[in-house]
């Protein structure tokens, strides 16, 4: 019976699985950036960026597949910007020539501009209300953050963008779940709930990183255990 249910909802199961893997990698990569504050050399900082950017890129690719499979343009199109912005630190940390060229043309700012344009276009074409636009707003903020995350000077801005983006996604996923429930769309409700749990996990992780940056210790052990059990 269980196997039949899974086979009937194969795309939804695949979407949820990729979502879990995507958020896990993005969480790990984003946390890794927090270690740059303790780096004592350029080589150590570059190693941190190399590891962090690889995880974030992997996570963004997984989330892009997830959102396109779910068929929601307000999530899917901004994820394209997420992949492109994650590519910049990924290649710059591995190839010195690319890093030099990237710095010369200020690729980080160009990618921030592209992310905002991509998010704005997506909202103008597909959103019908503020609630509709929240996922695209959140993902645009994350894309802007990924473009500058490898720069130690921008770590506070990076954390603000991550926290703002995660919070917007939590509210947007909640609104989507309520809308699906009102329309008796059970599959849509389950998918929205899954995204809510994943986005909640990401936002909790970013809250902890912001608190750590401010020298405050937060303990979400009980809440995180519940999230892991649900996901």
Protein backbone atom coordinates (compact mmCIF):
# COMPACT_ATOMS: atom_id res chain seq x y z
CA UNK A 1 0.00 0.00 0.00
CA UNK A 2 2.80 2.40 0.94
CA UNK A 3 4.74 1.56 -2.23
CA UNK A 4 1.63 2.19 -4.32
CA UNK A 5 1.17 5.60 -2.70
CA UNK A 6 4.81 6.47 -3.39
CA UNK A 7 4.58 5.34 -7.03
CA UNK A 8 1.40 7.40 -7.49
CA UNK A 9 3.21 10.52 -6.28
CA UNK A 10 6.69 9.84 -7.66
CA UNK A 11 7.40 13.45 -8.76
CA UNK A 12 6.36 14.79 -5.35
CA UNK A 13 8.59 12.27 -3.55
CA UNK A 14 11.52 13.16 -5.83
CA UNK A 15 10.88 16.87 -5.29
CA UNK A 16 10.84 16.49 -1.51
CA UNK A 17 14.00 14.34 -1.52
CA UNK A 18 15.95 16.80 -3.67
CA UNK A 19 14.65 19.63 -1.50
CA UNK A 20 16.05 18.02 1.65
CA UNK A 21 19.44 17.44 -0.03
CA UNK A 22 19.47 20.97 -1.45
CA UNK A 23 18.73 22.74 1.83
CA UNK A 24 21.21 20.50 3.68
CA UNK A 25 24.03 21.50 1.32
CA UNK A 26 23.11 25.20 1.36
CA UNK A 27 22.97 25.18 5.18
CA UNK A 28 26.40 23.55 5.40
CA UNK A 29 27.91 25.92 2.85
CA UNK A 30 26.44 29.04 4.43
CA UNK A 31 27.67 27.98 7.88
CA UNK A 32 31.11 27.39 6.40
CA UNK A 33 31.32 31.03 5.30
CA UNK A 34 31.04 31.96 8.97
CA UNK A 35 34.49 30.43 9.54
CA UNK A 36 36.16 33.14 7.45
CA UNK A 37 36.20 35.43 10.49
CA UNK A 38 38.74 33.07 12.11
CA UNK A 39 40.88 32.51 9.00
CA UNK A 40 44.51 33.52 9.56
CA UNK A 41 45.73 33.46 5.94
CA UNK A 42 44.51 33.94 2.38
CA UNK A 43 45.07 30.24 1.70
CA UNK A 44 42.86 29.27 4.63
CA UNK A 45 40.17 31.74 3.58
CA UNK A 46 40.29 30.44 0.01
CA UNK A 47 39.90 26.86 1.24
CA UNK A 48 36.82 27.87 3.22
CA UNK A 49 35.32 29.63 0.19
CA UNK A 50 36.11 26.63 -2.04
CA UNK A 51 34.30 24.25 0.31
CA UNK A 52 31.38 26.60 1.05
CA UNK A 53 30.76 27.60 -2.57
CA UNK A 54 30.80 23.98 -3.71
CA UNK A 55 28.11 23.02 -1.21
CA UNK A 56 25.99 26.09 -1.99
CA UNK A 57 26.22 25.46 -5.74
CA UNK A 58 25.25 21.80 -5.27
CA UNK A 59 22.34 22.86 -3.08
CA UNK A 60 21.13 25.45 -5.58
CA UNK A 61 21.21 22.97 -8.46
CA UNK A 62 19.15 20.52 -6.40
CA UNK A 63 16.67 23.24 -5.44
CA UNK A 64 16.37 24.40 -9.06
CA UNK A 65 15.46 20.87 -10.15
CA UNK A 66 13.03 20.71 -7.23
CA UNK A 67 11.26 23.96 -8.07
CA UNK A 68 11.03 23.28 -11.81
CA UNK A 69 9.64 19.81 -11.05
CA UNK A 70 7.05 21.43 -8.78
CA UNK A 71 6.11 23.72 -11.69
CA UNK A 72 6.01 26.98 -9.74
CA UNK A 73 7.58 29.83 -11.74
CA UNK A 74 7.80 32.09 -8.66
CA UNK A 75 10.21 29.59 -7.11
CA UNK A 76 11.82 28.20 -10.26
CA UNK A 77 13.01 31.24 -12.22
CA UNK A 78 14.78 32.97 -9.29
CA UNK A 79 16.62 29.68 -8.66
CA UNK A 80 18.35 30.17 -12.02
CA UNK A 81 19.88 33.36 -10.62
CA UNK A 82 20.81 31.38 -7.50
CA UNK A 83 22.87 28.97 -9.60
CA UNK A 84 24.59 31.75 -11.58
CA UNK A 85 25.52 33.74 -8.47
CA UNK A 86 26.83 30.60 -6.76
CA UNK A 87 29.06 29.87 -9.77
CA UNK A 88 31.08 33.06 -9.24
CA UNK A 89 32.71 32.13 -5.89
CA UNK A 90 32.87 28.48 -6.97
CA UNK A 91 35.13 29.21 -9.96
CA UNK A 92 36.93 32.21 -8.44
CA UNK A 93 38.10 30.10 -5.48
CA UNK A 94 39.49 27.44 -7.82
CA UNK A 95 41.03 29.47 -10.63
CA UNK A 96 43.15 32.55 -9.77
CA UNK A 97 42.73 34.05 -13.26
CA UNK A 98 38.95 33.94 -12.92
CA UNK A 99 39.21 35.47 -9.45
CA UNK A 100 41.34 38.32 -10.82
CA UNK A 101 38.99 38.91 -13.76
CA UNK A 102 35.95 38.71 -11.50
CA UNK A 103 37.39 41.32 -9.16
CA UNK A 104 38.33 43.61 -12.05
CA UNK A 105 34.81 43.75 -13.54
CA UNK A 106 33.08 43.59 -10.11
CA UNK A 107 31.22 40.42 -11.05
CA UNK A 108 29.63 40.34 -7.60
CA UNK A 109 27.78 43.62 -8.21
CA UNK A 110 26.84 42.61 -11.77
CA UNK A 111 25.34 39.38 -10.44
CA UNK A 112 23.45 41.24 -7.72
CA UNK A 113 21.98 43.45 -10.44
CA UNK A 114 21.07 40.42 -12.54
CA UNK A 115 19.40 38.72 -9.55
CA UNK A 116 17.27 41.78 -8.82
CA UNK A 117 16.28 42.08 -12.49
CA UNK A 118 15.44 38.37 -12.67
CA UNK A 119 13.38 38.50 -9.48
CA UNK A 120 11.60 41.68 -10.54
CA UNK A 121 10.70 40.24 -13.94
CA UNK A 122 9.42 37.01 -12.37
CA UNK A 123 7.22 38.92 -9.93
CA UNK A 124 5.84 41.22 -12.63
CA UNK A 125 4.95 38.27 -14.88
CA UNK A 126 3.71 35.67 -12.40
CA UNK A 127 2.72 37.23 -9.06
CA UNK A 128 -0.84 38.42 -8.46
CA UNK A 129 -0.40 39.63 -4.87
CA UNK A 130 2.22 40.43 -2.24
CA UNK A 131 1.87 36.91 -0.83
CA UNK A 132 2.52 35.46 -4.29
CA UNK A 133 5.66 37.53 -4.68
CA UNK A 134 7.27 36.53 -1.35
CA UNK A 135 9.00 33.36 -2.65
CA UNK A 136 10.61 35.30 -5.51
CA UNK A 137 11.59 38.13 -3.14
CA UNK A 138 13.16 35.65 -0.74
CA UNK A 139 15.06 33.78 -3.43
CA UNK A 140 16.27 37.04 -4.97
CA UNK A 141 17.69 38.08 -1.59
CA UNK A 142 19.46 34.72 -1.32
CA UNK A 143 20.89 35.06 -4.84
CA UNK A 144 22.26 38.51 -3.99
CA UNK A 145 23.84 37.01 -0.89
CA UNK A 146 25.45 34.13 -2.79
CA UNK A 147 27.08 36.68 -5.12
CA UNK A 148 28.92 38.38 -2.24
CA UNK A 149 29.22 35.57 0.32
CA UNK A 150 32.88 34.89 -0.44
CA UNK A 151 33.93 38.44 0.51
CA UNK A 152 34.86 38.81 4.22
CA UNK A 153 33.98 42.53 4.07
CA UNK A 154 30.36 41.73 3.19
CA UNK A 155 29.65 39.05 5.79
CA UNK A 156 27.16 41.16 7.76
CA UNK A 157 25.27 42.08 4.58
CA UNK A 158 25.43 38.43 3.52
CA UNK A 159 23.85 37.25 6.79
CA UNK A 160 21.14 39.90 6.60
CA UNK A 161 20.25 38.82 3.06
CA UNK A 162 20.19 35.14 4.08
CA UNK A 163 17.96 35.83 7.08
CA UNK A 164 15.63 38.13 5.14
CA UNK A 165 15.43 35.67 2.25
CA UNK A 166 14.74 32.72 4.51
CA UNK A 167 12.07 34.62 6.44
CA UNK A 168 10.34 35.67 3.22
CA UNK A 169 10.32 32.07 2.02
CA UNK A 170 8.85 30.86 5.32
CA UNK A 171 5.98 33.36 5.09
CA UNK A 172 5.51 32.66 1.37
CA UNK A 173 5.44 28.88 1.91
CA UNK A 174 2.93 29.32 4.73
CA UNK A 175 0.65 31.39 2.49
CA UNK A 176 0.99 28.80 -0.29
CA UNK A 177 0.07 25.98 2.11
CA UNK A 178 -3.02 27.85 3.33
CA UNK A 179 -4.07 28.61 -0.25
CA UNK A 180 -3.71 24.93 -1.23
CA UNK A 181 -5.73 23.89 1.81
CA UNK A 182 -8.52 26.31 0.91
CA UNK A 183 -8.62 24.88 -2.62
CA UNK A 184 -8.67 21.27 -1.33
CA UNK A 185 -5.41 20.68 -3.18
CA UNK A 186 -3.95 17.96 -0.97
CA UNK A 187 -0.81 17.39 -3.03
CA UNK A 188 -0.16 21.14 -3.24
CA UNK A 189 -0.65 21.43 0.51
CA UNK A 190 1.80 18.63 1.24
CA UNK A 191 4.40 20.13 -1.11
CA UNK A 192 3.95 23.62 0.39
CA UNK A 193 4.27 22.14 3.86
CA UNK A 194 7.47 20.36 2.84
CA UNK A 195 8.91 23.63 1.51
CA UNK A 196 7.82 25.38 4.71
CA UNK A 197 9.73 22.85 6.82
CA UNK A 198 12.83 23.12 4.60
CA UNK A 199 12.76 26.92 4.56
CA UNK A 200 12.18 26.96 8.31
CA UNK A 201 15.26 24.79 8.80
CA UNK A 202 17.32 27.17 6.64
CA UNK A 203 16.07 30.26 8.52
CA UNK A 204 16.83 28.68 11.91
CA UNK A 205 20.36 27.93 10.69
CA UNK A 206 20.81 31.55 9.60
CA UNK A 207 19.47 32.86 12.92
CA UNK A 208 22.13 30.80 14.67
CA UNK A 209 24.84 32.16 12.37
CA UNK A 210 23.73 35.77 12.96
CA UNK A 211 23.66 35.15 16.71
CA UNK A 212 27.12 33.57 16.54
CA UNK A 213 28.41 36.61 14.66
CA UNK A 214 27.01 38.81 17.45
CA UNK A 215 28.46 36.61 20.20
CA UNK A 216 25.06 35.25 21.28
CA UNK A 217 24.38 31.54 21.70
CA UNK A 218 20.97 30.29 20.53
CA UNK A 219 19.68 26.80 21.23
CA UNK A 220 17.06 25.40 18.85
CA UNK A 221 17.82 21.75 19.65
CA UNK A 222 14.21 20.78 20.37
CA UNK A 223 12.80 22.60 17.35
CA UNK A 224 15.48 21.25 15.03
CA UNK A 225 14.83 17.70 16.25
CA UNK A 226 11.15 18.14 15.39
CA UNK A 227 12.02 19.51 11.93
CA UNK A 228 14.35 16.56 11.24
CA UNK A 229 11.67 14.12 12.30
CA UNK A 230 9.11 15.76 9.99
CA UNK A 231 11.51 15.90 7.05
